[in-house]
Amino acid sequence: LLEVNAMTLATASADGVPSARIVLLKGFSPKGFVFFTNYESFKGKQLA
C-alpha cells in the first residue's frame, strides 16, 4: 500500500478544542506507537 504508515493524529487543547492531521508511524512495540515532530508545533503545544 502507498504510505502504509500514514495515520491521522487527533489531539485536543486543555479546553477540548480538537485538531487532526496526517503523520507517519515510525515504530511500534508492546509499549505503543511512535511518531516524530516539532515539539513547538501546534500539535506539540496541544499535547503539552
ModelCIF file with pLDDT and N, C-alpha, C, O atoms, coordinates in Angstrom:
data_MODEL
#
_entry.id   MODEL 
#
_entity.id                         1 
_entity.type                       polymer 
_entity.pdbx_number_of_molecules   1 
#
_entity_poly.entity_id                      1 
_entity_poly.type                           'polypeptide(L)' 
_entity_poly.nstd_linkage                   no 
_entity_poly.nstd_monomer                   no 
_entity_poly.pdbx_seq_one_letter_code       LLEVNAMTLATASADGVPSARIVLLKGFSPKGFVFFTNYESFKGKQLA 
_entity_poly.pdbx_seq_one_letter_code_can   LLEVNAMTLATASADGVPSARIVLLKGFSPKGFVFFTNYESFKGKQLA 
_entity_poly.pdbx_strand_id                 A 
#
loop_
_entity_poly_seq.entity_id 
_entity_poly_seq.num 
_entity_poly_seq.mon_id 
_entity_poly_seq.hetero 
1 1  LEU n 
1 2  LEU n 
1 3  GLU n 
1 4  VAL n 
1 5  ASN n 
1 6  ALA n 
1 7  MET n 
1 8  THR n 
1 9  LEU n 
1 10 ALA n 
1 11 THR n 
1 12 ALA n 
1 13 SER n 
1 14 ALA n 
1 15 ASP n 
1 16 GLY n 
1 17 VAL n 
1 18 PRO n 
1 19 SER n 
1 20 ALA n 
1 21 ARG n 
1 22 ILE n 
1 23 VAL n 
1 24 LEU n 
1 25 LEU n 
1 26 LYS n 
1 27 GLY n 
1 28 PHE n 
1 29 SER n 
1 30 PRO n 
1 31 LYS n 
1 32 GLY n 
1 33 PHE n 
1 34 VAL n 
1 35 PHE n 
1 36 PHE n 
1 37 THR n 
1 38 ASN n 
1 39 TYR n 
1 40 GLU n 
1 41 SER n 
1 42 PHE n 
1 43 LYS n 
1 44 GLY n 
1 45 LYS n 
1 46 GLN n 
1 47 LEU n 
1 48 ALA n 
#
_struct_asym.id          A 
_struct_asym.entity_id   1 
#
loop_
_ma_qa_metric.id 
_ma_qa_metric.mode 
_ma_qa_metric.name 
_ma_qa_metric.software_group_id 
_ma_qa_metric.type 
1 global pLDDT . pLDDT 
2 local  pLDDT . pLDDT 
#
_ma_qa_metric_global.metric_id      1 
_ma_qa_metric_global.metric_value   97.42 
_ma_qa_metric_global.model_id       1 
_ma_qa_metric_global.ordinal_id     1 
#
loop_
_ma_qa_metric_local.label_asym_id 
_ma_qa_metric_local.label_comp_id 
_ma_qa_metric_local.label_seq_id 
_ma_qa_metric_local.metric_id 
_ma_qa_metric_local.metric_value 
_ma_qa_metric_local.model_id 
_ma_qa_metric_local.ordinal_id 
A LEU 1  2 95.00 1 1  
A LEU 2  2 95.00 1 2  
A GLU 3  2 97.00 1 3  
A VAL 4  2 98.00 1 4  
A ASN 5  2 98.00 1 5  
A ALA 6  2 98.00 1 6  
A MET 7  2 98.00 1 7  
A THR 8  2 98.00 1 8  
A LEU 9  2 98.00 1 9  
A ALA 10 2 98.00 1 10 
A THR 11 2 98.00 1 11 
A ALA 12 2 98.00 1 12 
A SER 13 2 97.00 1 13 
A ALA 14 2 97.00 1 14 
A ASP 15 2 96.00 1 15 
A GLY 16 2 95.00 1 16 
A VAL 17 2 96.00 1 17 
A PRO 18 2 97.00 1 18 
A SER 19 2 98.00 1 19 
A ALA 20 2 98.00 1 20 
A ARG 21 2 98.00 1 21 
A ILE 22 2 98.00 1 22 
A VAL 23 2 98.00 1 23 
A LEU 24 2 98.00 1 24 
A LEU 25 2 98.00 1 25 
A LYS 26 2 98.00 1 26 
A GLY 27 2 98.00 1 27 
A PHE 28 2 98.00 1 28 
A SER 29 2 98.00 1 29 
A PRO 30 2 97.00 1 30 
A LYS 31 2 98.00 1 31 
A GLY 32 2 98.00 1 32 
A PHE 33 2 98.00 1 33 
A VAL 34 2 98.00 1 34 
A PHE 35 2 98.00 1 35 
A PHE 36 2 98.00 1 36 
A THR 37 2 97.00 1 37 
A ASN 38 2 96.00 1 38 
A TYR 39 2 97.00 1 39 
A GLU 40 2 96.00 1 40 
A SER 41 2 97.00 1 41 
A PHE 42 2 97.00 1 42 
A LYS 43 2 98.00 1 43 
A GLY 44 2 97.00 1 44 
A LYS 45 2 97.00 1 45 
A GLN 46 2 98.00 1 46 
A LEU 47 2 98.00 1 47 
A ALA 48 2 98.00 1 48 
#
loop_
_atom_site.group_PDB 
_atom_site.id 
_atom_site.type_symbol 
_atom_site.label_atom_id 
_atom_site.label_alt_id 
_atom_site.label_comp_id 
_atom_site.label_asym_id 
_atom_site.label_entity_id 
_atom_site.label_seq_id 
_atom_site.pdbx_PDB_ins_code 
_atom_site.Cartn_x 
_atom_site.Cartn_y 
_atom_site.Cartn_z 
_atom_site.occupancy 
_atom_site.B_iso_or_equiv 
_atom_site.pdbx_formal_charge 
_atom_site.auth_seq_id 
_atom_site.auth_comp_id 
_atom_site.auth_asym_id 
_atom_site.auth_atom_id 
_atom_site.pdbx_PDB_model_num 
ATOM 1   N N  . LEU A 1 1  ? 0.831   -1.193 0.000  1.00 95.00 ? 1  LEU A N  1 
ATOM 2   C CA . LEU A 1 1  ? 0.000   0.000  0.000  1.00 95.00 ? 1  LEU A CA 1 
ATOM 3   C C  . LEU A 1 1  ? 0.868   1.247  0.000  1.00 95.00 ? 1  LEU A C  1 
ATOM 4   O O  . LEU A 1 1  ? 1.944   1.260  0.598  1.00 95.00 ? 1  LEU A O  1 
ATOM 5   N N  . LEU A 1 2  ? 0.407   2.288  -0.665 1.00 95.00 ? 2  LEU A N  1 
ATOM 6   C CA . LEU A 1 2  ? 1.135   3.548  -0.708 1.00 95.00 ? 2  LEU A CA 1 
ATOM 7   C C  . LEU A 1 2  ? 1.045   4.227  0.652  1.00 95.00 ? 2  LEU A C  1 
ATOM 8   O O  . LEU A 1 2  ? -0.048  4.394  1.193  1.00 95.00 ? 2  LEU A O  1 
ATOM 9   N N  . GLU A 1 3  ? 2.194   4.622  1.212  1.00 97.00 ? 3  GLU A N  1 
ATOM 10  C CA . GLU A 1 3  ? 2.261   5.270  2.527  1.00 97.00 ? 3  GLU A CA 1 
ATOM 11  C C  . GLU A 1 3  ? 1.462   4.500  3.573  1.00 97.00 ? 3  GLU A C  1 
ATOM 12  O O  . GLU A 1 3  ? 0.571   5.036  4.232  1.00 97.00 ? 3  GLU A O  1 
ATOM 13  N N  . VAL A 1 4  ? 1.813   3.230  3.699  1.00 98.00 ? 4  VAL A N  1 
ATOM 14  C CA . VAL A 1 4  ? 1.108   2.343  4.614  1.00 98.00 ? 4  VAL A CA 1 
ATOM 15  C C  . VAL A 1 4  ? 1.179   2.839  6.052  1.00 98.00 ? 4  VAL A C  1 
ATOM 16  O O  . VAL A 1 4  ? 0.310   2.518  6.863  1.00 98.00 ? 4  VAL A O  1 
ATOM 17  N N  . ASN A 1 5  ? 2.217   3.626  6.377  1.00 98.00 ? 5  ASN A N  1 
ATOM 18  C CA . ASN A 1 5  ? 2.384   4.107  7.752  1.00 98.00 ? 5  ASN A CA 1 
ATOM 19  C C  . ASN A 1 5  ? 1.744   5.463  8.001  1.00 98.00 ? 5  ASN A C  1 
ATOM 20  O O  . ASN A 1 5  ? 1.943   6.048  9.065  1.00 98.00 ? 5  ASN A O  1 
ATOM 21  N N  . ALA A 1 6  ? 0.977   5.976  7.038  1.00 98.00 ? 6  ALA A N  1 
ATOM 22  C CA . ALA A 1 6  ? 0.271   7.243  7.244  1.00 98.00 ? 6  ALA A CA 1 
ATOM 23  C C  . ALA A 1 6  ? -0.902  7.032  8.190  1.00 98.00 ? 6  ALA A C  1 
ATOM 24  O O  . ALA A 1 6  ? -1.656  6.069  8.049  1.00 98.00 ? 6  ALA A O  1 
ATOM 25  N N  . MET A 1 7  ? -1.055  7.935  9.154  1.00 98.00 ? 7  MET A N  1 
ATOM 26  C CA . MET A 1 7  ? -2.132  7.805  10.128 1.00 98.00 ? 7  MET A CA 1 
ATOM 27  C C  . MET A 1 7  ? -2.629  9.191  10.514 1.00 98.00 ? 7  MET A C  1 
ATOM 28  O O  . MET A 1 7  ? -1.865  10.156 10.530 1.00 98.00 ? 7  MET A O  1 
ATOM 29  N N  . THR A 1 8  ? -3.902  9.274  10.819 1.00 98.00 ? 8  THR A N  1 
ATOM 30  C CA . THR A 1 8  ? -4.464  10.506 11.352 1.00 98.00 ? 8  THR A CA 1 
ATOM 31  C C  . THR A 1 8  ? -4.115  10.593 12.829 1.00 98.00 ? 8  THR A C  1 
ATOM 32  O O  . THR A 1 8  ? -4.315  9.641  13.584 1.00 98.00 ? 8  THR A O  1 
ATOM 33  N N  . LEU A 1 9  ? -3.594  11.741 13.231 1.00 98.00 ? 9  LEU A N  1 
ATOM 34  C CA . LEU A 1 9  ? -3.314  12.011 14.641 1.00 98.00 ? 9  LEU A CA 1 
ATOM 35  C C  . LEU A 1 9  ? -4.281  13.091 15.104 1.00 98.00 ? 9  LEU A C  1 
ATOM 36  O O  . LEU A 1 9  ? -4.255  14.216 14.605 1.00 98.00 ? 9  LEU A O  1 
ATOM 37  N N  . ALA A 1 10 ? -5.128  12.746 16.054 1.00 98.00 ? 10 ALA A N  1 
ATOM 38  C CA . ALA A 1 10 ? -6.077  13.711 16.621 1.00 98.00 ? 10 ALA A CA 1 
ATOM 39  C C  . ALA A 1 10 ? -5.622  14.088 18.025 1.00 98.00 ? 10 ALA A C  1 
ATOM 40  O O  . ALA A 1 10 ? -5.321  13.226 18.851 1.00 98.00 ? 10 ALA A O  1 
ATOM 41  N N  . THR A 1 11 ? -5.579  15.405 18.278 1.00 98.00 ? 11 THR A N  1 
ATOM 42  C CA . THR A 1 11 ? -5.217  15.925 19.589 1.00 98.00 ? 11 THR A CA 1 
ATOM 43  C C  . THR A 1 11 ? -6.277  16.940 20.007 1.00 98.00 ? 11 THR A C  1 
ATOM 44  O O  . THR A 1 11 ? -7.174  17.278 19.235 1.00 98.00 ? 11 THR A O  1 
ATOM 45  N N  . ALA A 1 12 ? -6.156  17.417 21.243 1.00 98.00 ? 12 ALA A N  1 
ATOM 46  C CA . ALA A 1 12 ? -7.090  18.438 21.716 1.00 98.00 ? 12 ALA A CA 1 
ATOM 47  C C  . ALA A 1 12 ? -6.373  19.323 22.730 1.00 98.00 ? 12 ALA A C  1 
ATOM 48  O O  . ALA A 1 12 ? -5.476  18.880 23.448 1.00 98.00 ? 12 ALA A O  1 
ATOM 49  N N  . SER A 1 13 ? -6.790  20.578 22.768 1.00 97.00 ? 13 SER A N  1 
ATOM 50  C CA . SER A 1 13 ? -6.234  21.509 23.741 1.00 97.00 ? 13 SER A CA 1 
ATOM 51  C C  . SER A 1 13 ? -6.795  21.194 25.129 1.00 97.00 ? 13 SER A C  1 
ATOM 52  O O  . SER A 1 13 ? -7.650  20.321 25.279 1.00 97.00 ? 13 SER A O  1 
ATOM 53  N N  . ALA A 1 14 ? -6.304  21.910 26.135 1.00 97.00 ? 14 ALA A N  1 
ATOM 54  C CA . ALA A 1 14 ? -6.771  21.682 27.501 1.00 97.00 ? 14 ALA A CA 1 
ATOM 55  C C  . ALA A 1 14 ? -8.268  21.928 27.637 1.00 97.00 ? 14 ALA A C  1 
ATOM 56  O O  . ALA A 1 14 ? -8.930  21.294 28.459 1.00 97.00 ? 14 ALA A O  1 
ATOM 57  N N  . ASP A 1 15 ? -8.805  22.849 26.832 1.00 96.00 ? 15 ASP A N  1 
ATOM 58  C CA . ASP A 1 15 ? -10.245 23.136 26.901 1.00 96.00 ? 15 ASP A CA 1 
ATOM 59  C C  . ASP A 1 15 ? -11.050 22.339 25.882 1.00 96.00 ? 15 ASP A C  1 
ATOM 60  O O  . ASP A 1 15 ? -12.222 22.636 25.649 1.00 96.00 ? 15 ASP A O  1 
ATOM 61  N N  . GLY A 1 16 ? -10.433 21.331 25.274 1.00 95.00 ? 16 GLY A N  1 
ATOM 62  C CA . GLY A 1 16 ? -11.173 20.393 24.450 1.00 95.00 ? 16 GLY A CA 1 
ATOM 63  C C  . GLY A 1 16 ? -11.321 20.740 22.988 1.00 95.00 ? 16 GLY A C  1 
ATOM 64  O O  . GLY A 1 16 ? -12.076 20.073 22.280 1.00 95.00 ? 16 GLY A O  1 
ATOM 65  N N  . VAL A 1 17 ? -10.617 21.779 22.497 1.00 96.00 ? 17 VAL A N  1 
ATOM 66  C CA . VAL A 1 17 ? -10.696 22.116 21.075 1.00 96.00 ? 17 VAL A CA 1 
ATOM 67  C C  . VAL A 1 17 ? -9.872  21.102 20.282 1.00 96.00 ? 17 VAL A C  1 
ATOM 68  O O  . VAL A 1 17 ? -8.666  20.995 20.503 1.00 96.00 ? 17 VAL A O  1 
ATOM 69  N N  . PRO A 1 18 ? -10.499 20.349 19.356 1.00 97.00 ? 18 PRO A N  1 
ATOM 70  C CA . PRO A 1 18 ? -9.785  19.280 18.659 1.00 97.00 ? 18 PRO A CA 1 
ATOM 71  C C  . PRO A 1 18 ? -9.020  19.771 17.438 1.00 97.00 ? 18 PRO A C  1 
ATOM 72  O O  . PRO A 1 18 ? -9.280  20.847 16.901 1.00 97.00 ? 18 PRO A O  1 
ATOM 73  N N  . SER A 1 19 ? -8.076  18.949 17.023 1.00 98.00 ? 19 SER A N  1 
ATOM 74  C CA . SER A 1 19 ? -7.320  19.192 15.800 1.00 98.00 ? 19 SER A CA 1 
ATOM 75  C C  . SER A 1 19 ? -6.827  17.847 15.291 1.00 98.00 ? 19 SER A C  1 
ATOM 76  O O  . SER A 1 19 ? -6.554  16.946 16.083 1.00 98.00 ? 19 SER A O  1 
ATOM 77  N N  . ALA A 1 20 ? -6.710  17.705 13.972 1.00 98.00 ? 20 ALA A N  1 
ATOM 78  C CA . ALA A 1 20 ? -6.249  16.444 13.403 1.00 98.00 ? 20 ALA A CA 1 
ATOM 79  C C  . ALA A 1 20 ? -5.422  16.702 12.170 1.00 98.00 ? 20 ALA A C  1 
ATOM 80  O O  . ALA A 1 20 ? -5.622  17.689 11.461 1.00 98.00 ? 20 ALA A O  1 
ATOM 81  N N  . ARG A 1 21 ? -4.482  15.796 11.920 1.00 98.00 ? 21 ARG A N  1 
ATOM 82  C CA . ARG A 1 21 ? -3.620  15.888 10.753 1.00 98.00 ? 21 ARG A CA 1 
ATOM 83  C C  . ARG A 1 21 ? -3.029  14.500 10.476 1.00 98.00 ? 21 ARG A C  1 
ATOM 84  O O  . ARG A 1 21 ? -3.117  13.600 11.311 1.00 98.00 ? 21 ARG A O  1 
ATOM 85  N N  . ILE A 1 22 ? -2.428  14.340 9.292  1.00 98.00 ? 22 ILE A N  1 
ATOM 86  C CA . ILE A 1 22 ? -1.775  13.077 8.952  1.00 98.00 ? 22 ILE A CA 1 
ATOM 87  C C  . ILE A 1 22 ? -0.308  13.146 9.353  1.00 98.00 ? 22 ILE A C  1 
ATOM 88  O O  . ILE A 1 22 ? 0.388   14.105 9.020  1.00 98.00 ? 22 ILE A O  1 
ATOM 89  N N  . VAL A 1 23 ? 0.159   12.124 10.070 1.00 98.00 ? 23 VAL A N  1 
ATOM 90  C CA . VAL A 1 23 ? 1.572   11.974 10.394 1.00 98.00 ? 23 VAL A CA 1 
ATOM 91  C C  . VAL A 1 23 ? 1.978   10.555 10.010 1.00 98.00 ? 23 VAL A C  1 
ATOM 92  O O  . VAL A 1 23 ? 1.149   9.766  9.556  1.00 98.00 ? 23 VAL A O  1 
ATOM 93  N N  . LEU A 1 24 ? 3.250   10.238 10.193 1.00 98.00 ? 24 LEU A N  1 
ATOM 94  C CA . LEU A 1 24 ? 3.748   8.921  9.801  1.00 98.00 ? 24 LEU A CA 1 
ATOM 95  C C  . LEU A 1 24 ? 4.186   8.120  11.020 1.00 98.00 ? 24 LEU A C  1 
ATOM 96  O O  . LEU A 1 24 ? 4.940   8.609  11.861 1.00 98.00 ? 24 LEU A O  1 
ATOM 97  N N  . LEU A 1 25 ? 3.707   6.896  11.104 1.00 98.00 ? 25 LEU A N  1 
ATOM 98  C CA . LEU A 1 25 ? 4.162   5.976  12.134 1.00 98.00 ? 25 LEU A CA 1 
ATOM 99  C C  . LEU A 1 25 ? 5.623   5.633  11.873 1.00 98.00 ? 25 LEU A C  1 
ATOM 100 O O  . LEU A 1 25 ? 5.999   5.321  10.744 1.00 98.00 ? 25 LEU A O  1 
ATOM 101 N N  . LYS A 1 26 ? 6.449   5.690  12.923 1.00 98.00 ? 26 LYS A N  1 
ATOM 102 C CA . LYS A 1 26 ? 7.870   5.383  12.754 1.00 98.00 ? 26 LYS A CA 1 
ATOM 103 C C  . LYS A 1 26 ? 8.325   4.211  13.603 1.00 98.00 ? 26 LYS A C  1 
ATOM 104 O O  . LYS A 1 26 ? 9.509   3.877  13.626 1.00 98.00 ? 26 LYS A O  1 
ATOM 105 N N  . GLY A 1 27 ? 7.399   3.595  14.292 1.00 98.00 ? 27 GLY A N  1 
ATOM 106 C CA . GLY A 1 27 ? 7.739   2.404  15.048 1.00 98.00 ? 27 GLY A CA 1 
ATOM 107 C C  . GLY A 1 27 ? 6.607   2.027  15.977 1.00 98.00 ? 27 GLY A C  1 
ATOM 108 O O  . GLY A 1 27 ? 5.816   2.876  16.389 1.00 98.00 ? 27 GLY A O  1 
ATOM 109 N N  . PHE A 1 28 ? 6.532   0.735  16.309 1.00 98.00 ? 28 PHE A N  1 
ATOM 110 C CA . PHE A 1 28 ? 5.597   0.288  17.338 1.00 98.00 ? 28 PHE A CA 1 
ATOM 111 C C  . PHE A 1 28 ? 6.193   -0.919 18.050 1.00 98.00 ? 28 PHE A C  1 
ATOM 112 O O  . PHE A 1 28 ? 7.001   -1.662 17.493 1.00 98.00 ? 28 PHE A O  1 
ATOM 113 N N  . SER A 1 29 ? 5.771   -1.088 19.291 1.00 98.00 ? 29 SER A N  1 
ATOM 114 C CA . SER A 1 29 ? 6.277   -2.150 20.150 1.00 98.00 ? 29 SER A CA 1 
ATOM 115 C C  . SER A 1 29 ? 5.204   -2.426 21.196 1.00 98.00 ? 29 SER A C  1 
ATOM 116 O O  . SER A 1 29 ? 4.160   -1.773 21.181 1.00 98.00 ? 29 SER A O  1 
ATOM 117 N N  . PRO A 1 30 ? 5.429   -3.371 22.101 1.00 97.00 ? 30 PRO A N  1 
ATOM 118 C CA . PRO A 1 30 ? 4.441   -3.581 23.167 1.00 97.00 ? 30 PRO A CA 1 
ATOM 119 C C  . PRO A 1 30 ? 4.162   -2.323 23.987 1.00 97.00 ? 30 PRO A C  1 
ATOM 120 O O  . PRO A 1 30 ? 3.120   -2.232 24.636 1.00 97.00 ? 30 PRO A O  1 
ATOM 121 N N  . LYS A 1 31 ? 5.081   -1.350 23.967 1.00 98.00 ? 31 LYS A N  1 
ATOM 122 C CA . LYS A 1 31 ? 4.870   -0.109 24.708 1.00 98.00 ? 31 LYS A CA 1 
ATOM 123 C C  . LYS A 1 31 ? 3.857   0.800  24.024 1.00 98.00 ? 31 LYS A C  1 
ATOM 124 O O  . LYS A 1 31 ? 3.106   1.501  24.702 1.00 98.00 ? 31 LYS A O  1 
ATOM 125 N N  . GLY A 1 32 ? 3.821   0.801  22.675 1.00 98.00 ? 32 GLY A N  1 
ATOM 126 C CA . GLY A 1 32 ? 2.915   1.684  21.963 1.00 98.00 ? 32 GLY A CA 1 
ATOM 127 C C  . GLY A 1 32 ? 3.432   2.082  20.603 1.00 98.00 ? 32 GLY A C  1 
ATOM 128 O O  . GLY A 1 32 ? 4.214   1.358  19.987 1.00 98.00 ? 32 GLY A O  1 
ATOM 129 N N  . PHE A 1 33 ? 2.986   3.262  20.126 1.00 98.00 ? 33 PHE A N  1 
ATOM 130 C CA . PHE A 1 33 ? 3.189   3.703  18.753 1.00 98.00 ? 33 PHE A CA 1 
ATOM 131 C C  . PHE A 1 33 ? 3.949   5.028  18.745 1.00 98.00 ? 33 PHE A C  1 
ATOM 132 O O  . PHE A 1 33 ? 3.639   5.932  19.522 1.00 98.00 ? 33 PHE A O  1 
ATOM 133 N N  . VAL A 1 34 ? 4.939   5.138  17.869 1.00 98.00 ? 34 VAL A N  1 
ATOM 134 C CA . VAL A 1 34 ? 5.865   6.266  17.890 1.00 98.00 ? 34 VAL A CA 1 
ATOM 135 C C  . VAL A 1 34 ? 5.763   7.092  16.608 1.00 98.00 ? 34 VAL A C  1 
ATOM 136 O O  . VAL A 1 34 ? 5.698   6.550  15.505 1.00 98.00 ? 34 VAL A O  1 
ATOM 137 N N  . PHE A 1 35 ? 5.751   8.407  16.776 1.00 98.00 ? 35 PHE A N  1 
ATOM 138 C CA . PHE A 1 35 ? 5.904   9.332  15.652 1.00 98.00 ? 35 PHE A CA 1 
ATOM 139 C C  . PHE A 1 35 ? 6.803   10.474 16.110 1.00 98.00 ? 35 PHE A C  1 
ATOM 140 O O  . PHE A 1 35 ? 7.030   10.651 17.307 1.00 98.00 ? 35 PHE A O  1 
ATOM 141 N N  . PHE A 1 36 ? 7.316   11.249 15.153 1.00 98.00 ? 36 PHE A N  1 
ATOM 142 C CA . PHE A 1 36 ? 8.251   12.332 15.448 1.00 98.00 ? 36 PHE A CA 1 
ATOM 143 C C  . PHE A 1 36 ? 7.732   13.649 14.884 1.00 98.00 ? 36 PHE A C  1 
ATOM 144 O O  . PHE A 1 36 ? 7.054   13.675 13.857 1.00 98.00 ? 36 PHE A O  1 
ATOM 145 N N  . THR A 1 37 ? 8.061   14.743 15.571 1.00 97.00 ? 37 THR A N  1 
ATOM 146 C CA . THR A 1 37 ? 7.599   16.053 15.126 1.00 97.00 ? 37 THR A CA 1 
ATOM 147 C C  . THR A 1 37 ? 8.347   17.147 15.872 1.00 97.00 ? 37 THR A C  1 
ATOM 148 O O  . THR A 1 37 ? 9.225   16.876 16.692 1.00 97.00 ? 37 THR A O  1 
ATOM 149 N N  . ASN A 1 38 ? 7.984   18.380 15.573 1.00 96.00 ? 38 ASN A N  1 
ATOM 150 C CA . ASN A 1 38 ? 8.493   19.550 16.276 1.00 96.00 ? 38 ASN A CA 1 
ATOM 151 C C  . ASN A 1 38 ? 7.657   19.732 17.547 1.00 96.00 ? 38 ASN A C  1 
ATOM 152 O O  . ASN A 1 38 ? 6.438   19.886 17.474 1.00 96.00 ? 38 ASN A O  1 
ATOM 153 N N  . TYR A 1 39 ? 8.309   19.713 18.698 1.00 97.00 ? 39 TYR A N  1 
ATOM 154 C CA . TYR A 1 39 ? 7.579   19.850 19.959 1.00 97.00 ? 39 TYR A CA 1 
ATOM 155 C C  . TYR A 1 39 ? 6.904   21.217 20.097 1.00 97.00 ? 39 TYR A C  1 
ATOM 156 O O  . TYR A 1 39 ? 5.976   21.378 20.890 1.00 97.00 ? 39 TYR A O  1 
ATOM 157 N N  . GLU A 1 40 ? 7.373   22.198 19.323 1.00 96.00 ? 40 GLU A N  1 
ATOM 158 C CA . GLU A 1 40 ? 6.798   23.538 19.397 1.00 96.00 ? 40 GLU A CA 1 
ATOM 159 C C  . GLU A 1 40 ? 5.717   23.772 18.344 1.00 96.00 ? 40 GLU A C  1 
ATOM 160 O O  . GLU A 1 40 ? 5.200   24.883 18.223 1.00 96.00 ? 40 GLU A O  1 
ATOM 161 N N  . SER A 1 41 ? 5.372   22.734 17.583 1.00 97.00 ? 41 SER A N  1 
ATOM 162 C CA . SER A 1 41 ? 4.308   22.830 16.589 1.00 97.00 ? 41 SER A CA 1 
ATOM 163 C C  . SER A 1 41 ? 2.960   22.907 17.295 1.00 97.00 ? 41 SER A C  1 
ATOM 164 O O  . SER A 1 41 ? 2.881   22.767 18.516 1.00 97.00 ? 41 SER A O  1 
ATOM 165 N N  . PHE A 1 42 ? 1.900   23.130 16.520 1.00 97.00 ? 42 PHE A N  1 
ATOM 166 C CA . PHE A 1 42 ? 0.564   23.215 17.108 1.00 97.00 ? 42 PHE A CA 1 
ATOM 167 C C  . PHE A 1 42 ? 0.197   21.930 17.832 1.00 97.00 ? 42 PHE A C  1 
ATOM 168 O O  . PHE A 1 42 ? -0.336  21.971 18.941 1.00 97.00 ? 42 PHE A O  1 
ATOM 169 N N  . LYS A 1 43 ? 0.482   20.780 17.209 1.00 98.00 ? 43 LYS A N  1 
ATOM 170 C CA . LYS A 1 43 ? 0.156   19.516 17.862 1.00 98.00 ? 43 LYS A CA 1 
ATOM 171 C C  . LYS A 1 43 ? 1.010   19.309 19.101 1.00 98.00 ? 43 LYS A C  1 
ATOM 172 O O  . LYS A 1 43 ? 0.545   18.753 20.096 1.00 98.00 ? 43 LYS A O  1 
ATOM 173 N N  . GLY A 1 44 ? 2.284   19.764 19.039 1.00 97.00 ? 44 GLY A N  1 
ATOM 174 C CA . GLY A 1 44 ? 3.137   19.653 20.206 1.00 97.00 ? 44 GLY A CA 1 
ATOM 175 C C  . GLY A 1 44 ? 2.609   20.466 21.377 1.00 97.00 ? 44 GLY A C  1 
ATOM 176 O O  . GLY A 1 44 ? 2.655   20.015 22.522 1.00 97.00 ? 44 GLY A O  1 
ATOM 177 N N  . LYS A 1 45 ? 2.110   21.661 21.096 1.00 97.00 ? 45 LYS A N  1 
ATOM 178 C CA . LYS A 1 45 ? 1.552   22.510 22.149 1.00 97.00 ? 45 LYS A CA 1 
ATOM 179 C C  . LYS A 1 45 ? 0.278   21.890 22.731 1.00 97.00 ? 45 LYS A C  1 
ATOM 180 O O  . LYS A 1 45 ? 0.053   21.940 23.940 1.00 97.00 ? 45 LYS A O  1 
ATOM 181 N N  . GLN A 1 46 ? -0.560  21.300 21.854 1.00 98.00 ? 46 GLN A N  1 
ATOM 182 C CA . GLN A 1 46 ? -1.759  20.648 22.369 1.00 98.00 ? 46 GLN A CA 1 
ATOM 183 C C  . GLN A 1 46 ? -1.402  19.438 23.231 1.00 98.00 ? 46 GLN A C  1 
ATOM 184 O O  . GLN A 1 46 ? -2.037  19.196 24.258 1.00 98.00 ? 46 GLN A O  1 
ATOM 185 N N  . LEU A 1 47 ? -0.395  18.684 22.817 1.00 98.00 ? 47 LEU A N  1 
ATOM 186 C CA . LEU A 1 47 ? -0.007  17.515 23.599 1.00 98.00 ? 47 LEU A CA 1 
ATOM 187 C C  . LEU A 1 47 ? 0.624   17.909 24.932 1.00 98.00 ? 47 LEU A C  1 
ATOM 188 O O  . LEU A 1 47 ? 0.526   17.165 25.908 1.00 98.00 ? 47 LEU A O  1 
ATOM 189 N N  . ALA A 1 48 ? 1.271   19.071 24.977 1.00 98.00 ? 48 ALA A N  1 
ATOM 190 C CA . ALA A 1 48 ? 1.801   19.559 26.245 1.00 98.00 ? 48 ALA A CA 1 
ATOM 191 C C  . ALA A 1 48 ? 0.663   19.911 27.197 1.00 98.00 ? 48 ALA A C  1 
ATOM 192 O O  . ALA A 1 48 ? 0.911   20.342 28.323 1.00 98.00 ? 48 ALA A O  1 
#
